[in-house]
Amino acid sequence: MTEVISNALQQQLDKRYGPAGPRAGTAGNPTLEVLLRHRTVRRFLPGTIGEDELQLILAAGQSASTSAGFQFTSVVVIDDPAARARLAELAGGQRLVTDAAVFLVWVADWSRNIALARAHGHSIEATEYLDSTISSIVDVTLSAQNAAVAAESLGYGITFVGALRNNIDAVIELLRLPQWTFPVYGLAIGIPDPDDPADVKPRYGQNVVVHRNTYTPPADADVTDYLERINAYYREQELPEDWVLNRLANRISTKESLHGRQGIRNTFHRQGFELR
């Protein structure tokens, strides 16, 4: 069993980093296998997730670390077909929003803690500062990632949908989110279509992202290695292969490449987050 897991881990490591990447050795276990085989699933088969399994997935999310025990996460389960269709439209027409067995919207939520503090006669001045907002978004992300791993461990596929932020005010209105809340992203969970070609996607080598004691800029050769591997992946997927041109530049070159997200600061302000 250990050898089987170790071999599976090495296959995933090779896909992630290429043949020069980390070695699995004998330290493998099923948890590592779930984490390393992660892929983005964009095509789902019809099917449902039972309420018991959904509650376990959400319990895994709630079991994540949380800043000072404040539990800044709220999750909106979208099971109304009309609401799903509207969210799919707001996210750029992504069918996976409607095709997935479950669609969750993860919300950074200060509202209940502020209400509790006020009910006990306390001021809330510190919540106006940027770190308070960061803390709530970190909490949401830890929780959502826990839930994603739990879903994958049960055999489901997942996709995070950040495109909800393209039309953030409309999402807030649709979900009737109160002041002091902010929708961070959606999470689609469902039965992966075996014909979906998506596979384990290459990452930068650890020489690029892992630093010892102080930050070290990446070597040109290590960046080139990644670009060769990620471009080969996109060729295999029959997608435009130039990662820098077709992905990086399309995301950062102009404010229009943010597809509406350039106004998010104003939305934060309207929702009560001063970001001082």
Protein backbone atom coordinates (compact mmCIF):
# COMPACT_ATOMS: atom_id res chain seq x y z
CA MET A 1 0.00 0.00 0.00
CA THR A 2 2.77 2.45 0.92
CA GLU A 3 4.57 1.73 -2.37
CA VAL A 4 1.37 2.30 -4.34
CA ILE A 5 0.81 5.67 -2.65
CA SER A 6 4.44 6.62 -3.11
CA ASN A 7 4.26 5.84 -6.83
CA ALA A 8 1.05 7.84 -7.17
CA LEU A 9 2.61 10.78 -5.34
CA GLN A 10 5.64 10.72 -7.60
CA GLN A 11 3.44 10.78 -10.69
CA GLN A 12 1.68 13.89 -9.40
CA LEU A 13 4.97 15.54 -8.39
CA ASP A 14 6.36 14.92 -11.88
CA LYS A 15 3.30 16.53 -13.44
CA ARG A 16 3.53 19.49 -11.07
CA TYR A 17 7.28 20.14 -11.29
CA GLY A 18 8.76 18.03 -14.08
CA PRO A 19 11.39 15.28 -13.63
CA ALA A 20 13.72 17.58 -11.67
CA GLY A 21 11.13 18.20 -8.96
CA PRO A 22 10.84 16.76 -5.43
CA ARG A 23 11.02 13.03 -4.78
CA ALA A 24 8.15 11.32 -2.96
CA GLY A 25 10.37 8.97 -0.98
CA THR A 26 8.51 6.93 1.62
CA ALA A 27 6.65 9.72 3.39
CA GLY A 28 3.45 9.45 1.37
CA ASN A 29 -0.07 9.07 2.72
CA PRO A 30 -3.61 9.41 1.32
CA THR A 31 -3.91 13.04 2.46
CA LEU A 32 -0.85 14.06 0.48
CA GLU A 33 -2.17 12.15 -2.53
CA VAL A 34 -5.43 14.15 -2.44
CA LEU A 35 -3.54 17.44 -2.17
CA LEU A 36 -1.01 16.71 -4.91
CA ARG A 37 -3.51 15.39 -7.46
CA HIS A 38 -5.62 18.56 -7.30
CA ARG A 39 -6.81 19.88 -10.63
CA THR A 40 -9.37 22.44 -11.70
CA VAL A 41 -12.53 20.69 -12.93
CA ARG A 42 -14.59 22.72 -15.36
CA ARG A 43 -16.89 20.01 -16.70
CA PHE A 44 -19.25 18.15 -14.40
CA LEU A 45 -21.60 15.21 -14.86
CA PRO A 46 -25.22 15.48 -13.68
CA GLY A 47 -25.57 14.42 -10.07
CA THR A 48 -26.09 15.58 -6.54
CA ILE A 49 -24.17 15.71 -3.29
CA GLY A 50 -26.08 14.36 -0.31
CA GLU A 51 -26.83 16.71 2.55
CA ASP A 52 -24.74 14.59 4.93
CA GLU A 53 -21.70 14.88 2.67
CA LEU A 54 -22.26 18.60 2.19
CA GLN A 55 -22.41 19.12 5.93
CA LEU A 56 -19.15 17.21 6.33
CA ILE A 57 -17.50 19.35 3.64
CA LEU A 58 -18.71 22.50 5.39
CA ALA A 59 -17.61 21.13 8.77
CA ALA A 60 -14.12 20.63 7.31
CA GLY A 61 -14.26 24.26 6.23
CA GLN A 62 -15.26 25.41 9.71
CA SER A 63 -12.44 23.34 11.18
CA ALA A 64 -9.79 25.52 9.53
CA SER A 65 -7.66 27.89 11.56
CA THR A 66 -9.39 31.20 12.27
CA SER A 67 -7.91 34.49 13.42
CA ALA A 68 -8.35 34.82 17.21
CA GLY A 69 -11.30 32.44 16.98
CA PHE A 70 -13.41 35.15 15.33
CA GLN A 71 -14.76 32.86 12.56
CA PHE A 72 -15.14 35.49 9.87
CA THR A 73 -16.52 33.04 7.28
CA SER A 74 -20.06 32.74 6.01
CA VAL A 75 -21.08 30.39 3.20
CA VAL A 76 -24.13 30.82 0.98
CA VAL A 77 -25.32 27.53 -0.52
CA ILE A 78 -26.92 28.33 -3.88
CA ASP A 79 -29.52 25.67 -4.67
CA ASP A 80 -32.12 27.86 -6.37
CA PRO A 81 -31.78 27.31 -10.16
CA ALA A 82 -32.62 30.92 -11.00
CA ALA A 83 -29.99 32.22 -8.58
CA ARG A 84 -27.45 29.78 -10.03
CA ALA A 85 -28.23 30.96 -13.54
CA ARG A 86 -27.83 34.59 -12.51
CA LEU A 87 -24.50 33.91 -10.79
CA ALA A 88 -23.29 32.05 -13.89
CA GLU A 89 -24.17 35.12 -15.95
CA LEU A 90 -22.41 37.46 -13.51
CA ALA A 91 -19.33 35.22 -13.62
CA GLY A 92 -18.96 35.61 -17.37
CA GLY A 93 -21.30 32.85 -18.51
CA GLN A 94 -19.46 29.99 -16.83
CA ARG A 95 -21.61 26.86 -17.23
CA LEU A 96 -19.84 25.10 -14.39
CA VAL A 97 -21.74 27.34 -11.97
CA THR A 98 -25.01 25.72 -13.05
CA ASP A 99 -23.63 22.26 -13.89
CA ALA A 100 -21.91 21.57 -10.56
CA ALA A 101 -23.75 19.52 -7.96
CA VAL A 102 -23.18 22.26 -5.37
CA PHE A 103 -22.27 25.92 -5.70
CA LEU A 104 -21.10 27.83 -2.64
CA VAL A 105 -20.34 31.53 -2.25
CA TRP A 106 -17.71 32.25 0.41
CA VAL A 107 -18.23 35.50 2.25
CA ALA A 108 -15.88 37.49 4.48
CA ASP A 109 -18.20 38.38 7.34
CA TRP A 110 -17.60 40.93 10.10
CA SER A 111 -21.33 41.59 10.55
CA ARG A 112 -22.14 39.18 13.37
CA ASN A 113 -19.05 40.02 15.44
CA ILE A 114 -19.72 43.75 15.05
CA ALA A 115 -23.35 43.23 16.08
CA LEU A 116 -22.20 41.24 19.11
CA ALA A 117 -19.67 43.88 20.14
CA ARG A 118 -22.22 46.68 19.78
CA ALA A 119 -24.83 44.70 21.71
CA HIS A 120 -22.39 44.59 24.61
CA GLY A 121 -21.65 48.29 24.43
CA HIS A 122 -18.24 48.18 22.71
CA SER A 123 -16.93 50.48 19.98
CA ILE A 124 -15.69 49.06 16.65
CA GLU A 125 -13.00 51.56 15.64
CA ALA A 126 -10.36 48.91 14.88
CA THR A 127 -12.55 47.29 12.24
CA GLU A 128 -12.02 50.33 10.00
CA TYR A 129 -8.39 49.40 9.40
CA LEU A 130 -7.03 47.32 6.55
CA ASP A 131 -5.70 44.51 8.73
CA SER A 132 -9.19 43.71 9.95
CA THR A 133 -10.33 43.25 6.36
CA ILE A 134 -7.27 41.16 5.54
CA SER A 135 -7.94 38.95 8.57
CA SER A 136 -11.46 38.19 7.38
CA ILE A 137 -10.33 37.36 3.83
CA VAL A 138 -7.57 35.09 5.15
CA ASP A 139 -10.14 33.30 7.33
CA VAL A 140 -12.44 32.74 4.34
CA THR A 141 -9.60 31.40 2.22
CA LEU A 142 -8.39 28.93 4.84
CA SER A 143 -11.95 27.70 5.34
CA ALA A 144 -12.73 27.40 1.63
CA GLN A 145 -9.50 25.52 0.92
CA ASN A 146 -10.28 23.06 3.72
CA ALA A 147 -13.71 22.47 2.19
CA ALA A 148 -12.21 22.03 -1.28
CA VAL A 149 -9.76 19.39 -0.05
CA ALA A 150 -12.56 17.62 1.83
CA ALA A 151 -14.66 17.52 -1.35
CA GLU A 152 -11.75 16.16 -3.39
CA SER A 153 -11.07 13.52 -0.73
CA LEU A 154 -14.65 12.28 -1.30
CA GLY A 155 -13.99 11.95 -5.04
CA TYR A 156 -15.58 15.21 -6.20
CA GLY A 157 -13.98 17.83 -8.41
CA ILE A 158 -13.82 21.53 -7.57
CA THR A 159 -13.30 24.93 -9.15
CA PHE A 160 -12.93 28.27 -7.42
CA VAL A 161 -14.80 31.03 -9.25
CA GLY A 162 -13.19 34.40 -8.65
CA ALA A 163 -15.11 35.90 -11.57
CA LEU A 164 -17.99 36.62 -9.21
CA ARG A 165 -15.98 39.72 -8.32
CA ASN A 166 -16.38 41.00 -11.90
CA ASN A 167 -19.90 42.11 -10.94
CA ILE A 168 -19.53 42.26 -7.19
CA ASP A 169 -22.35 44.73 -6.47
CA ALA A 170 -24.86 42.59 -8.36
CA VAL A 171 -23.72 39.50 -6.41
CA ILE A 172 -24.19 41.38 -3.13
CA GLU A 173 -27.68 42.43 -4.19
CA LEU A 174 -28.64 38.94 -5.36
CA LEU A 175 -27.51 37.29 -2.13
CA ARG A 176 -28.91 40.12 0.04
CA LEU A 177 -25.61 40.44 1.84
CA PRO A 178 -25.68 42.89 4.76
CA GLN A 179 -23.17 45.62 5.56
CA TRP A 180 -19.79 44.37 6.83
CA THR A 181 -19.80 41.38 4.48
CA PHE A 182 -18.02 40.79 1.17
CA PRO A 183 -18.29 37.85 -1.27
CA VAL A 184 -14.76 36.66 -2.03
CA TYR A 185 -15.35 33.84 -4.55
CA GLY A 186 -17.55 30.92 -5.44
CA LEU A 187 -16.73 27.22 -5.17
CA ALA A 188 -18.22 24.70 -7.59
CA ILE A 189 -18.26 21.08 -6.39
CA GLY A 190 -19.46 18.17 -8.46
CA ILE A 191 -18.87 14.88 -10.21
CA PRO A 192 -15.94 15.30 -12.63
CA ASP A 193 -16.65 14.53 -16.27
CA PRO A 194 -14.09 11.84 -17.22
CA ASP A 195 -13.81 13.48 -20.65
CA ASP A 196 -12.64 16.75 -19.11
CA PRO A 197 -9.04 17.03 -20.36
CA ALA A 198 -7.84 19.17 -17.43
CA ASP A 199 -4.94 17.58 -15.58
CA VAL A 200 -2.52 18.44 -12.78
CA LYS A 201 -1.22 21.86 -13.82
CA PRO A 202 2.50 22.70 -13.62
CA ARG A 203 3.73 25.10 -10.95
CA TYR A 204 6.87 27.14 -10.56
CA GLY A 205 9.70 24.99 -9.25
CA GLN A 206 10.43 25.16 -5.54
CA ASN A 207 13.69 26.98 -6.36
CA VAL A 208 11.48 29.90 -7.40
CA VAL A 209 8.96 30.03 -4.56
CA VAL A 210 10.83 28.62 -1.55
CA HIS A 211 13.36 30.90 0.17
CA ARG A 212 15.73 30.24 3.07
CA ASN A 213 15.93 32.98 5.70
CA THR A 214 15.94 35.81 3.16
CA TYR A 215 14.25 36.36 -0.18
CA THR A 216 16.22 35.34 -3.27
CA PRO A 217 15.13 36.45 -6.76
CA PRO A 218 14.55 33.50 -9.10
CA ALA A 219 17.22 32.40 -11.55
CA ASP A 220 16.38 32.95 -15.21
CA ALA A 221 16.84 29.23 -15.89
CA ASP A 222 14.23 28.31 -13.27
CA VAL A 223 11.69 30.74 -14.72
CA THR A 224 12.39 29.46 -18.24
CA ASP A 225 11.91 25.90 -17.02
CA TYR A 226 8.45 26.78 -15.72
CA LEU A 227 7.42 28.60 -18.89
CA GLU A 228 8.44 25.60 -20.98
CA ARG A 229 6.43 23.24 -18.79
CA ILE A 230 3.30 25.41 -18.52
CA ASN A 231 3.29 26.19 -22.25
CA ALA A 232 3.61 22.47 -23.02
CA TYR A 233 0.63 21.83 -20.72
CA TYR A 234 -1.50 24.37 -22.58
CA ARG A 235 -0.49 22.87 -25.92
CA GLU A 236 -1.67 19.49 -24.66
CA GLN A 237 -4.95 21.11 -23.62
CA GLU A 238 -5.25 22.66 -27.10
CA LEU A 239 -5.27 26.14 -25.55
CA PRO A 240 -3.19 29.23 -26.43
CA GLU A 241 0.22 28.20 -25.21
CA ASP A 242 1.99 31.46 -24.37
CA TRP A 243 1.38 31.79 -20.61
CA VAL A 244 2.94 35.25 -20.35
CA LEU A 245 1.05 36.68 -23.32
CA ASN A 246 -2.30 34.95 -22.97
CA ARG A 247 -2.61 34.80 -19.20
CA LEU A 248 -0.25 37.05 -17.29
CA ALA A 249 -0.38 40.04 -19.66
CA ASN A 250 -4.14 39.68 -20.11
CA ARG A 251 -4.54 39.96 -16.35
CA ILE A 252 -2.20 42.84 -15.45
CA SER A 253 -1.53 44.99 -18.51
CA THR A 254 -4.48 47.39 -18.19
CA LYS A 255 -7.18 48.14 -15.66
CA GLU A 256 -9.72 46.89 -18.20
CA SER A 257 -8.17 43.43 -17.87
CA LEU A 258 -9.70 43.32 -14.37
CA HIS A 259 -13.17 43.01 -15.99
CA GLY A 260 -14.89 45.29 -13.50
CA ARG A 261 -12.87 44.40 -10.42
CA GLN A 262 -11.01 47.72 -10.55
CA GLY A 263 -13.93 49.22 -8.62
CA ILE A 264 -13.84 46.77 -5.73
CA ARG A 265 -12.43 49.32 -3.27
CA ASN A 266 -15.62 51.35 -3.69
CA THR A 267 -17.69 48.26 -2.96
CA PHE A 268 -15.69 47.57 0.19
CA HIS A 269 -16.42 51.13 1.33
CA ARG A 270 -20.15 50.77 0.65
CA GLN A 271 -20.15 47.53 2.62
CA GLY A 272 -18.64 49.30 5.64
CA PHE A 273 -14.97 48.39 5.21
CA GLU A 274 -13.03 51.68 5.46
CA LEU A 275 -9.62 50.10 4.66
CA ARG A 276 -7.70 52.76 6.55
